[in-house]
Amino acid sequence: RSMAGRVDRSILRITPGKEITAVISQHGVRMCDHAIHKDGRIFIVCLTGELLVANPDGSDLRSITTRWKGKPERLSDLTFDFNGNLYVTDFTGYSGNPTAGVYRASPDCRSVEQLMPNLTTPNGIAFTPDETSLWVSCSLANEIFHLTLHENRKSVQKAAVLYRLSGPAGGDGIRVD
C-alpha cells in the first residue's frame, strides 16, 4: 500500500490495484503534509498548528501537544531520522522578523527542542541521504538552507544559504532520494 497527498482534507491510500480509499478525514484543520514513521504510524502537520498522529489504518487519530516555549505554531513540513526523531518546520515570520525555526521531537514526542532559530517561513525539510544534514526551504525568504548537524542530530554545527531563488515566492516542499 502507498499513501497519497491531501485532497479535501483527507489522506488517501492508493493500492497497487489503483483502489483509492480515505484513511483519514479531518475537518477544521489545514493539513499541510504527512509522513509515515518507520513503525507505520501516520504523522500529519497542520498550518492551523496541530501535529496529529494516527495508526497505519487511520484509527486512533490524536493530537500531540508537546511544544518548546509555545513553538512551533504553524507546522508546515516534517521528516524523520533513522532513529525515529521527528523534525518539523514552523511556517511563521517574515523578512525583517525571522521568528520561525526547525524543531526536533523525540521518538515518543514527549520532548521538543529548537534545532534552528531565526528563520523566515521555513517550509520544506528533508535529510541528506546520509542524515548528516538537513535541507530547509524558506518560502518568503526565497532561500534554501543546508544545515550540517552535530553527530547526535540535536543541534546545528553549520548553517548556510546554498540557494537564493528568484521570483515572488520561494521553495515549498523538499524530497531527497
N, C-alpha and C. Protein backbone atom coordinates (compact mmCIF):
# COMPACT_ATOMS: atom_id res chain seq x y z
N ARG A 1 0.83 -1.19 0.00
CA ARG A 1 0.00 0.00 0.00
C ARG A 1 0.87 1.24 0.00
N SER A 2 0.36 2.28 -0.56
CA SER A 2 1.08 3.54 -0.55
C SER A 2 0.12 4.65 -0.17
N MET A 3 0.69 5.78 0.26
CA MET A 3 -0.12 6.91 0.67
C MET A 3 -0.03 8.00 -0.39
N ALA A 4 -1.08 8.76 -0.53
CA ALA A 4 -1.09 9.89 -1.45
C ALA A 4 -1.31 11.17 -0.66
N GLY A 5 -1.27 12.28 -1.34
CA GLY A 5 -1.41 13.58 -0.70
C GLY A 5 -2.82 13.87 -0.22
N ARG A 6 -3.00 15.10 0.24
CA ARG A 6 -4.26 15.53 0.82
C ARG A 6 -5.21 16.01 -0.28
N VAL A 7 -6.40 15.55 -0.22
CA VAL A 7 -7.45 16.03 -1.11
C VAL A 7 -8.66 16.28 -0.24
N ASP A 8 -9.17 17.50 -0.25
CA ASP A 8 -10.37 17.81 0.51
C ASP A 8 -10.23 17.42 1.98
N ARG A 9 -9.08 17.75 2.58
CA ARG A 9 -8.77 17.47 3.99
C ARG A 9 -8.76 15.99 4.31
N SER A 10 -8.33 15.19 3.37
CA SER A 10 -8.23 13.75 3.58
C SER A 10 -6.85 13.25 3.18
N ILE A 11 -6.44 12.17 3.81
CA ILE A 11 -5.25 11.45 3.37
C ILE A 11 -5.76 10.15 2.77
N LEU A 12 -5.30 9.89 1.57
CA LEU A 12 -5.81 8.76 0.80
C LEU A 12 -4.78 7.65 0.71
N ARG A 13 -5.27 6.43 0.62
CA ARG A 13 -4.42 5.28 0.35
C ARG A 13 -4.73 4.82 -1.07
N ILE A 14 -3.68 4.60 -1.83
CA ILE A 14 -3.84 4.08 -3.19
C ILE A 14 -3.14 2.73 -3.24
N THR A 15 -3.88 1.70 -3.53
CA THR A 15 -3.32 0.36 -3.58
C THR A 15 -2.65 0.13 -4.94
N PRO A 16 -1.80 -0.91 -5.05
CA PRO A 16 -1.20 -1.22 -6.35
C PRO A 16 -2.26 -1.46 -7.44
N GLY A 17 -3.44 -1.91 -7.02
CA GLY A 17 -4.55 -2.12 -7.96
C GLY A 17 -5.32 -0.84 -8.25
N LYS A 18 -4.81 0.31 -7.80
CA LYS A 18 -5.37 1.64 -8.04
C LYS A 18 -6.70 1.88 -7.33
N GLU A 19 -6.94 1.15 -6.25
CA GLU A 19 -8.12 1.39 -5.42
C GLU A 19 -7.80 2.52 -4.46
N ILE A 20 -8.67 3.52 -4.40
CA ILE A 20 -8.43 4.70 -3.57
C ILE A 20 -9.43 4.71 -2.42
N THR A 21 -8.92 4.84 -1.19
CA THR A 21 -9.77 4.95 -0.02
C THR A 21 -9.24 6.04 0.89
N ALA A 22 -10.15 6.72 1.57
CA ALA A 22 -9.74 7.73 2.55
C ALA A 22 -9.31 7.01 3.83
N VAL A 23 -8.11 7.31 4.29
CA VAL A 23 -7.61 6.74 5.53
C VAL A 23 -7.93 7.68 6.69
N ILE A 24 -7.76 8.98 6.44
CA ILE A 24 -8.01 9.99 7.46
C ILE A 24 -8.74 11.16 6.81
N SER A 25 -9.84 11.57 7.42
CA SER A 25 -10.56 12.79 7.02
C SER A 25 -10.70 13.63 8.27
N GLN A 26 -10.21 14.85 8.22
CA GLN A 26 -10.23 15.70 9.40
C GLN A 26 -10.62 17.10 8.97
N HIS A 27 -11.76 17.56 9.42
CA HIS A 27 -12.21 18.91 9.08
C HIS A 27 -11.87 19.87 10.22
N GLY A 28 -11.72 21.13 9.89
CA GLY A 28 -11.41 22.14 10.89
C GLY A 28 -9.91 22.36 11.09
N VAL A 29 -9.10 21.60 10.38
CA VAL A 29 -7.65 21.80 10.41
C VAL A 29 -7.18 21.94 8.97
N ARG A 30 -6.01 22.53 8.80
CA ARG A 30 -5.45 22.69 7.46
C ARG A 30 -4.23 21.78 7.33
N MET A 31 -4.50 20.52 6.96
CA MET A 31 -3.40 19.57 6.79
C MET A 31 -2.46 20.07 5.72
N CYS A 32 -1.18 20.04 6.05
CA CYS A 32 -0.19 20.58 5.13
C CYS A 32 0.68 19.47 4.53
N ASP A 33 1.08 18.52 5.35
CA ASP A 33 1.90 17.41 4.86
C ASP A 33 1.78 16.25 5.83
N HIS A 34 2.23 15.10 5.39
CA HIS A 34 2.24 13.93 6.26
C HIS A 34 3.45 13.07 5.94
N ALA A 35 3.83 12.25 6.91
CA ALA A 35 4.95 11.31 6.72
C ALA A 35 4.61 10.06 7.51
N ILE A 36 5.17 8.96 7.06
CA ILE A 36 4.92 7.68 7.71
C ILE A 36 6.17 7.30 8.51
N HIS A 37 5.98 7.13 9.80
CA HIS A 37 7.06 6.73 10.71
C HIS A 37 7.46 5.30 10.39
N LYS A 38 8.67 4.90 10.77
CA LYS A 38 9.13 3.55 10.47
C LYS A 38 8.27 2.47 11.13
N ASP A 39 7.51 2.84 12.18
CA ASP A 39 6.60 1.87 12.81
C ASP A 39 5.23 1.85 12.15
N GLY A 40 5.05 2.65 11.08
CA GLY A 40 3.80 2.65 10.32
C GLY A 40 2.82 3.75 10.69
N ARG A 41 3.02 4.41 11.82
CA ARG A 41 2.10 5.49 12.20
C ARG A 41 2.18 6.63 11.19
N ILE A 42 1.07 7.32 11.03
CA ILE A 42 0.97 8.45 10.11
C ILE A 42 1.02 9.74 10.94
N PHE A 43 1.98 10.59 10.65
CA PHE A 43 2.10 11.89 11.31
C PHE A 43 1.69 12.96 10.32
N ILE A 44 0.89 13.92 10.79
CA ILE A 44 0.34 14.97 9.94
C ILE A 44 0.62 16.32 10.58
N VAL A 45 1.19 17.25 9.80
CA VAL A 45 1.38 18.62 10.28
C VAL A 45 0.32 19.50 9.65
N CYS A 46 -0.14 20.47 10.44
CA CYS A 46 -1.24 21.34 10.01
C CYS A 46 -0.84 22.80 10.19
N LEU A 47 -1.12 23.61 9.17
CA LEU A 47 -0.84 25.05 9.29
C LEU A 47 -1.69 25.71 10.36
N THR A 48 -2.75 25.05 10.80
CA THR A 48 -3.57 25.56 11.89
C THR A 48 -2.95 25.23 13.25
N GLY A 49 -1.75 24.60 13.25
CA GLY A 49 -1.00 24.40 14.47
C GLY A 49 -0.97 22.99 15.03
N GLU A 50 -1.78 22.11 14.51
CA GLU A 50 -1.85 20.77 15.06
C GLU A 50 -0.75 19.86 14.51
N LEU A 51 -0.28 18.97 15.37
CA LEU A 51 0.54 17.83 14.96
C LEU A 51 -0.30 16.61 15.32
N LEU A 52 -0.74 15.89 14.30
CA LEU A 52 -1.62 14.75 14.50
C LEU A 52 -0.88 13.46 14.23
N VAL A 53 -1.30 12.39 14.90
CA VAL A 53 -0.72 11.06 14.66
C VAL A 53 -1.87 10.05 14.68
N ALA A 54 -1.75 9.05 13.80
CA ALA A 54 -2.76 8.01 13.72
C ALA A 54 -2.09 6.67 13.46
N ASN A 55 -2.80 5.61 13.77
CA ASN A 55 -2.33 4.27 13.43
C ASN A 55 -2.30 4.13 11.92
N PRO A 56 -1.59 3.11 11.40
CA PRO A 56 -1.49 2.93 9.94
C PRO A 56 -2.84 2.85 9.22
N ASP A 57 -3.87 2.36 9.90
CA ASP A 57 -5.19 2.26 9.26
C ASP A 57 -6.02 3.53 9.44
N GLY A 58 -5.44 4.57 10.06
CA GLY A 58 -6.13 5.83 10.27
C GLY A 58 -6.87 5.93 11.59
N SER A 59 -6.91 4.84 12.36
CA SER A 59 -7.63 4.85 13.64
C SER A 59 -6.80 5.54 14.71
N ASP A 60 -7.46 5.88 15.80
CA ASP A 60 -6.83 6.50 16.97
C ASP A 60 -6.12 7.80 16.62
N LEU A 61 -6.76 8.64 15.81
CA LEU A 61 -6.21 9.94 15.46
C LEU A 61 -6.20 10.82 16.70
N ARG A 62 -5.03 11.36 17.01
CA ARG A 62 -4.91 12.20 18.21
C ARG A 62 -3.89 13.31 17.96
N SER A 63 -3.96 14.31 18.82
CA SER A 63 -3.07 15.47 18.70
C SER A 63 -1.90 15.32 19.66
N ILE A 64 -0.72 15.70 19.18
CA ILE A 64 0.47 15.77 20.03
C ILE A 64 0.65 17.24 20.38
N THR A 65 0.63 17.55 21.64
CA THR A 65 0.61 18.95 22.07
C THR A 65 1.94 19.43 22.65
N THR A 66 2.94 18.57 22.74
CA THR A 66 4.23 18.98 23.30
C THR A 66 4.85 20.07 22.43
N ARG A 67 5.33 21.14 23.07
CA ARG A 67 5.95 22.25 22.36
C ARG A 67 7.19 22.72 23.12
N TRP A 68 8.00 23.53 22.44
CA TRP A 68 9.17 24.18 23.03
C TRP A 68 8.83 25.67 23.12
N LYS A 69 8.58 26.17 24.33
CA LYS A 69 8.23 27.58 24.55
C LYS A 69 7.13 28.05 23.61
N GLY A 70 6.09 27.22 23.45
CA GLY A 70 4.96 27.57 22.60
C GLY A 70 5.18 27.38 21.11
N LYS A 71 6.35 26.90 20.73
CA LYS A 71 6.68 26.70 19.32
C LYS A 71 6.77 25.21 19.04
N PRO A 72 6.57 24.76 17.85
CA PRO A 72 6.16 25.51 16.67
C PRO A 72 4.68 25.88 16.72
N GLU A 73 4.32 26.93 15.95
CA GLU A 73 2.95 27.44 15.92
C GLU A 73 2.18 26.99 14.69
N ARG A 74 2.82 27.06 13.52
CA ARG A 74 2.17 26.73 12.24
C ARG A 74 3.04 25.70 11.52
N LEU A 75 2.77 24.45 11.77
CA LEU A 75 3.60 23.38 11.23
C LEU A 75 3.38 23.24 9.73
N SER A 76 4.48 23.08 8.99
CA SER A 76 4.38 23.06 7.54
C SER A 76 4.88 21.78 6.91
N ASP A 77 5.99 21.24 7.39
CA ASP A 77 6.54 20.02 6.79
C ASP A 77 7.22 19.22 7.89
N LEU A 78 7.53 17.96 7.59
CA LEU A 78 8.11 17.08 8.58
C LEU A 78 8.94 16.00 7.92
N THR A 79 9.85 15.46 8.71
CA THR A 79 10.66 14.32 8.28
C THR A 79 11.13 13.59 9.53
N PHE A 80 11.57 12.36 9.36
CA PHE A 80 12.10 11.56 10.46
C PHE A 80 13.55 11.19 10.17
N ASP A 81 14.35 11.03 11.24
CA ASP A 81 15.67 10.45 11.05
C ASP A 81 15.54 8.94 11.28
N PHE A 82 16.65 8.21 11.08
CA PHE A 82 16.57 6.75 11.17
C PHE A 82 16.33 6.26 12.60
N ASN A 83 16.49 7.12 13.61
CA ASN A 83 16.17 6.75 14.99
C ASN A 83 14.72 7.04 15.36
N GLY A 84 13.96 7.63 14.44
CA GLY A 84 12.56 7.93 14.72
C GLY A 84 12.31 9.31 15.29
N ASN A 85 13.33 10.16 15.41
CA ASN A 85 13.13 11.53 15.85
C ASN A 85 12.40 12.30 14.74
N LEU A 86 11.51 13.17 15.14
CA LEU A 86 10.68 13.94 14.22
C LEU A 86 11.23 15.36 14.11
N TYR A 87 11.35 15.87 12.88
CA TYR A 87 11.80 17.22 12.61
C TYR A 87 10.69 17.95 11.87
N VAL A 88 10.31 19.15 12.36
CA VAL A 88 9.22 19.91 11.75
C VAL A 88 9.65 21.35 11.51
N THR A 89 9.02 21.97 10.53
CA THR A 89 9.23 23.39 10.26
C THR A 89 8.04 24.18 10.78
N ASP A 90 8.32 25.41 11.22
CA ASP A 90 7.30 26.32 11.75
C ASP A 90 7.17 27.47 10.76
N PHE A 91 6.08 27.51 10.03
CA PHE A 91 5.86 28.44 8.93
C PHE A 91 5.38 29.79 9.46
N THR A 92 6.27 30.51 10.16
CA THR A 92 5.95 31.84 10.68
C THR A 92 7.09 32.78 10.33
N GLY A 93 6.95 34.03 10.72
CA GLY A 93 7.97 35.03 10.46
C GLY A 93 7.82 35.67 9.09
N TYR A 94 8.60 36.71 8.87
CA TYR A 94 8.64 37.41 7.59
C TYR A 94 9.97 38.14 7.51
N SER A 95 10.29 38.64 6.33
CA SER A 95 11.55 39.36 6.17
C SER A 95 11.61 40.50 7.17
N GLY A 96 12.69 40.62 7.85
CA GLY A 96 12.83 41.64 8.89
C GLY A 96 12.39 41.15 10.26
N ASN A 97 11.68 40.02 10.33
CA ASN A 97 11.23 39.45 11.60
C ASN A 97 11.27 37.93 11.50
N PRO A 98 12.46 37.35 11.42
CA PRO A 98 12.59 35.90 11.27
C PRO A 98 12.37 35.18 12.59
N THR A 99 11.12 34.87 12.90
CA THR A 99 10.77 34.28 14.20
C THR A 99 10.55 32.78 14.17
N ALA A 100 10.68 32.18 13.01
CA ALA A 100 10.38 30.75 12.88
C ALA A 100 11.63 29.91 13.08
N GLY A 101 11.45 28.60 12.94
CA GLY A 101 12.58 27.72 13.10
C GLY A 101 12.27 26.29 12.72
N VAL A 102 13.24 25.44 13.01
CA VAL A 102 13.11 24.00 12.83
C VAL A 102 13.17 23.38 14.23
N TYR A 103 12.31 22.40 14.48
CA TYR A 103 12.20 21.78 15.79
C TYR A 103 12.36 20.28 15.68
N ARG A 104 12.92 19.68 16.73
CA ARG A 104 13.17 18.25 16.78
C ARG A 104 12.41 17.66 17.97
N ALA A 105 11.59 16.64 17.69
CA ALA A 105 10.86 15.95 18.76
C ALA A 105 11.44 14.55 18.93
N SER A 106 11.47 14.11 20.17
CA SER A 106 11.95 12.77 20.47
C SER A 106 11.02 11.73 19.84
N PRO A 107 11.46 10.48 19.70
CA PRO A 107 10.60 9.46 19.08
C PRO A 107 9.24 9.29 19.75
N ASP A 108 9.16 9.50 21.06
CA ASP A 108 7.87 9.40 21.75
C ASP A 108 7.12 10.73 21.77
N CYS A 109 7.72 11.78 21.18
CA CYS A 109 7.14 13.13 21.08
C CYS A 109 6.84 13.75 22.45
N ARG A 110 7.55 13.31 23.47
CA ARG A 110 7.35 13.89 24.80
C ARG A 110 8.27 15.07 25.07
N SER A 111 9.28 15.25 24.21
CA SER A 111 10.14 16.42 24.36
C SER A 111 10.40 17.02 22.99
N VAL A 112 10.47 18.35 22.96
CA VAL A 112 10.72 19.10 21.73
C VAL A 112 11.84 20.08 22.01
N GLU A 113 12.76 20.19 21.06
CA GLU A 113 13.87 21.13 21.18
C GLU A 113 13.93 21.98 19.92
N GLN A 114 14.37 23.21 20.09
CA GLN A 114 14.59 24.06 18.93
C GLN A 114 15.92 23.66 18.31
N LEU A 115 15.90 23.34 17.03
CA LEU A 115 17.11 22.94 16.33
C LEU A 115 17.76 24.13 15.64
N MET A 116 16.95 24.96 14.98
CA MET A 116 17.47 26.12 14.23
C MET A 116 16.49 27.27 14.38
N PRO A 117 16.88 28.37 15.05
CA PRO A 117 16.00 29.52 15.22
C PRO A 117 16.18 30.54 14.10
N ASN A 118 15.40 31.60 14.17
CA ASN A 118 15.57 32.82 13.36
C ASN A 118 15.49 32.59 11.86
N LEU A 119 14.52 31.81 11.44
CA LEU A 119 14.28 31.60 10.02
C LEU A 119 13.00 32.32 9.60
N THR A 120 12.88 32.57 8.31
CA THR A 120 11.69 33.21 7.75
C THR A 120 10.89 32.16 6.99
N THR A 121 9.74 31.84 7.49
CA THR A 121 8.79 30.89 6.88
C THR A 121 9.44 29.61 6.36
N PRO A 122 10.14 28.85 7.22
CA PRO A 122 10.65 27.57 6.75
C PRO A 122 9.49 26.67 6.36
N ASN A 123 9.67 25.98 5.27
CA ASN A 123 8.58 25.20 4.70
C ASN A 123 9.02 23.76 4.53
N GLY A 124 9.65 23.42 3.42
CA GLY A 124 10.08 22.05 3.17
C GLY A 124 11.28 21.67 4.01
N ILE A 125 11.37 20.36 4.34
CA ILE A 125 12.50 19.86 5.12
C ILE A 125 12.79 18.42 4.68
N ALA A 126 14.07 18.11 4.52
CA ALA A 126 14.46 16.76 4.14
C ALA A 126 15.91 16.52 4.55
N PHE A 127 16.19 15.29 4.93
CA PHE A 127 17.56 14.90 5.24
C PHE A 127 18.34 14.61 3.97
N THR A 128 19.65 14.80 4.05
CA THR A 128 20.53 14.27 3.02
C THR A 128 20.52 12.75 3.18
N PRO A 129 20.86 11.99 2.15
CA PRO A 129 20.79 10.52 2.27
C PRO A 129 21.57 9.94 3.45
N ASP A 130 22.68 10.56 3.84
CA ASP A 130 23.46 10.04 4.97
C ASP A 130 23.00 10.61 6.32
N GLU A 131 21.98 11.45 6.32
CA GLU A 131 21.38 12.05 7.52
C GLU A 131 22.36 12.88 8.35
N THR A 132 23.38 13.43 7.72
CA THR A 132 24.30 14.32 8.43
C THR A 132 23.85 15.78 8.33
N SER A 133 22.93 16.05 7.40
CA SER A 133 22.48 17.42 7.16
C SER A 133 21.00 17.44 6.79
N LEU A 134 20.42 18.62 6.95
CA LEU A 134 19.04 18.86 6.53
C LEU A 134 19.02 19.95 5.46
N TRP A 135 18.11 19.80 4.52
CA TRP A 135 17.77 20.86 3.57
C TRP A 135 16.49 21.49 4.08
N VAL A 136 16.42 22.82 4.12
CA VAL A 136 15.22 23.52 4.57
C VAL A 136 14.94 24.66 3.59
N SER A 137 13.75 24.66 3.01
CA SER A 137 13.36 25.77 2.14
C SER A 137 12.61 26.81 2.96
N CYS A 138 12.98 28.06 2.78
CA CYS A 138 12.32 29.18 3.47
C CYS A 138 11.59 29.99 2.39
N SER A 139 10.29 29.81 2.33
CA SER A 139 9.49 30.30 1.21
C SER A 139 9.58 31.80 0.98
N LEU A 140 9.23 32.61 1.97
CA LEU A 140 9.18 34.05 1.76
C LEU A 140 10.56 34.68 1.68
N ALA A 141 11.58 33.99 2.15
CA ALA A 141 12.96 34.48 2.04
C ALA A 141 13.58 34.05 0.71
N ASN A 142 12.91 33.17 -0.02
CA ASN A 142 13.44 32.65 -1.30
C ASN A 142 14.81 32.01 -1.11
N GLU A 143 14.98 31.27 -0.02
CA GLU A 143 16.27 30.66 0.27
C GLU A 143 16.12 29.18 0.58
N ILE A 144 17.16 28.43 0.26
CA ILE A 144 17.25 27.04 0.67
C ILE A 144 18.51 26.90 1.52
N PHE A 145 18.30 26.49 2.77
CA PHE A 145 19.39 26.32 3.72
C PHE A 145 19.90 24.89 3.71
N HIS A 146 21.19 24.78 3.99
CA HIS A 146 21.82 23.49 4.25
C HIS A 146 22.29 23.53 5.70
N LEU A 147 21.71 22.69 6.55
CA LEU A 147 22.05 22.66 7.97
C LEU A 147 22.88 21.42 8.25
N THR A 148 24.16 21.59 8.54
CA THR A 148 25.01 20.48 8.93
C THR A 148 24.80 20.23 10.41
N LEU A 149 24.45 19.02 10.76
CA LEU A 149 24.11 18.68 12.15
C LEU A 149 25.30 18.07 12.87
N HIS A 150 25.30 18.25 14.20
CA HIS A 150 26.27 17.51 15.01
C HIS A 150 25.89 16.03 14.94
N GLU A 151 26.80 15.17 15.34
CA GLU A 151 26.59 13.72 15.21
C GLU A 151 25.31 13.24 15.88
N ASN A 152 24.93 13.83 17.01
CA ASN A 152 23.72 13.40 17.72
C ASN A 152 22.44 13.97 17.10
N ARG A 153 22.55 14.80 16.08
CA ARG A 153 21.44 15.43 15.36
C ARG A 153 20.52 16.26 16.28
N LYS A 154 21.08 16.74 17.41
CA LYS A 154 20.30 17.57 18.33
C LYS A 154 20.61 19.05 18.18
N SER A 155 21.63 19.38 17.39
CA SER A 155 21.98 20.78 17.20
C SER A 155 22.67 20.95 15.85
N VAL A 156 22.69 22.21 15.41
CA VAL A 156 23.27 22.54 14.11
C VAL A 156 24.73 22.94 14.31
N GLN A 157 25.58 22.32 13.53
CA GLN A 157 27.01 22.63 13.55
C GLN A 157 27.32 23.81 12.64
N LYS A 158 26.66 23.84 11.47
CA LYS A 158 26.89 24.91 10.50
C LYS A 158 25.62 25.11 9.68
N ALA A 159 25.26 26.37 9.47
CA ALA A 159 24.10 26.70 8.64
C ALA A 159 24.54 27.60 7.50
N ALA A 160 24.08 27.30 6.31
CA ALA A 160 24.47 28.11 5.16
C ALA A 160 23.31 28.19 4.18
N VAL A 161 23.12 29.36 3.59
CA VAL A 161 22.18 29.51 2.49
C VAL A 161 22.91 29.04 1.24
N LEU A 162 22.43 27.95 0.65
CA LEU A 162 23.09 27.42 -0.54
C LEU A 162 22.44 27.88 -1.83
N TYR A 163 21.16 28.24 -1.77
CA TYR A 163 20.46 28.70 -2.97
C TYR A 163 19.61 29.90 -2.62
N ARG A 164 19.68 30.90 -3.47
CA ARG A 164 18.75 32.03 -3.41
C ARG A 164 17.91 31.96 -4.67
N LEU A 165 16.63 31.86 -4.49
CA LEU A 165 15.72 31.71 -5.61
C LEU A 165 15.21 33.07 -6.05
N SER A 166 14.76 33.16 -7.28
CA SER A 166 14.19 34.41 -7.77
C SER A 166 12.69 34.23 -7.91
N GLY A 167 11.99 35.33 -8.01
CA GLY A 167 10.55 35.27 -8.16
C GLY A 167 9.84 35.70 -6.90
N PRO A 168 8.50 35.72 -6.94
CA PRO A 168 7.73 36.23 -5.81
C PRO A 168 7.67 35.29 -4.61
N ALA A 169 7.84 33.99 -4.80
CA ALA A 169 7.75 33.05 -3.69
C ALA A 169 8.82 31.99 -3.85
N GLY A 170 9.36 31.56 -2.74
CA GLY A 170 10.45 30.59 -2.77
C GLY A 170 9.98 29.16 -2.78
N GLY A 171 10.88 28.29 -2.34
CA GLY A 171 10.63 26.86 -2.35
C GLY A 171 9.51 26.44 -1.42
N ASP A 172 8.99 25.28 -1.71
CA ASP A 172 7.94 24.70 -0.90
C ASP A 172 8.49 23.39 -0.32
N GLY A 173 7.84 22.29 -0.57
CA GLY A 173 8.29 21.01 -0.04
C GLY A 173 9.60 20.56 -0.66
N ILE A 174 10.33 19.70 0.06
CA ILE A 174 11.59 19.15 -0.43
C ILE A 174 11.57 17.65 -0.19
N ARG A 175 12.05 16.90 -1.17
CA ARG A 175 12.27 15.46 -1.01
C ARG A 175 13.63 15.14 -1.60
N VAL A 176 14.37 14.25 -0.96
CA VAL A 176 15.69 13.84 -1.42
C VAL A 176 15.70 12.33 -1.57
N ASP A 177 16.23 11.86 -2.67
CA ASP A 177 16.35 10.41 -2.84
C ASP A 177 17.74 10.04 -3.27
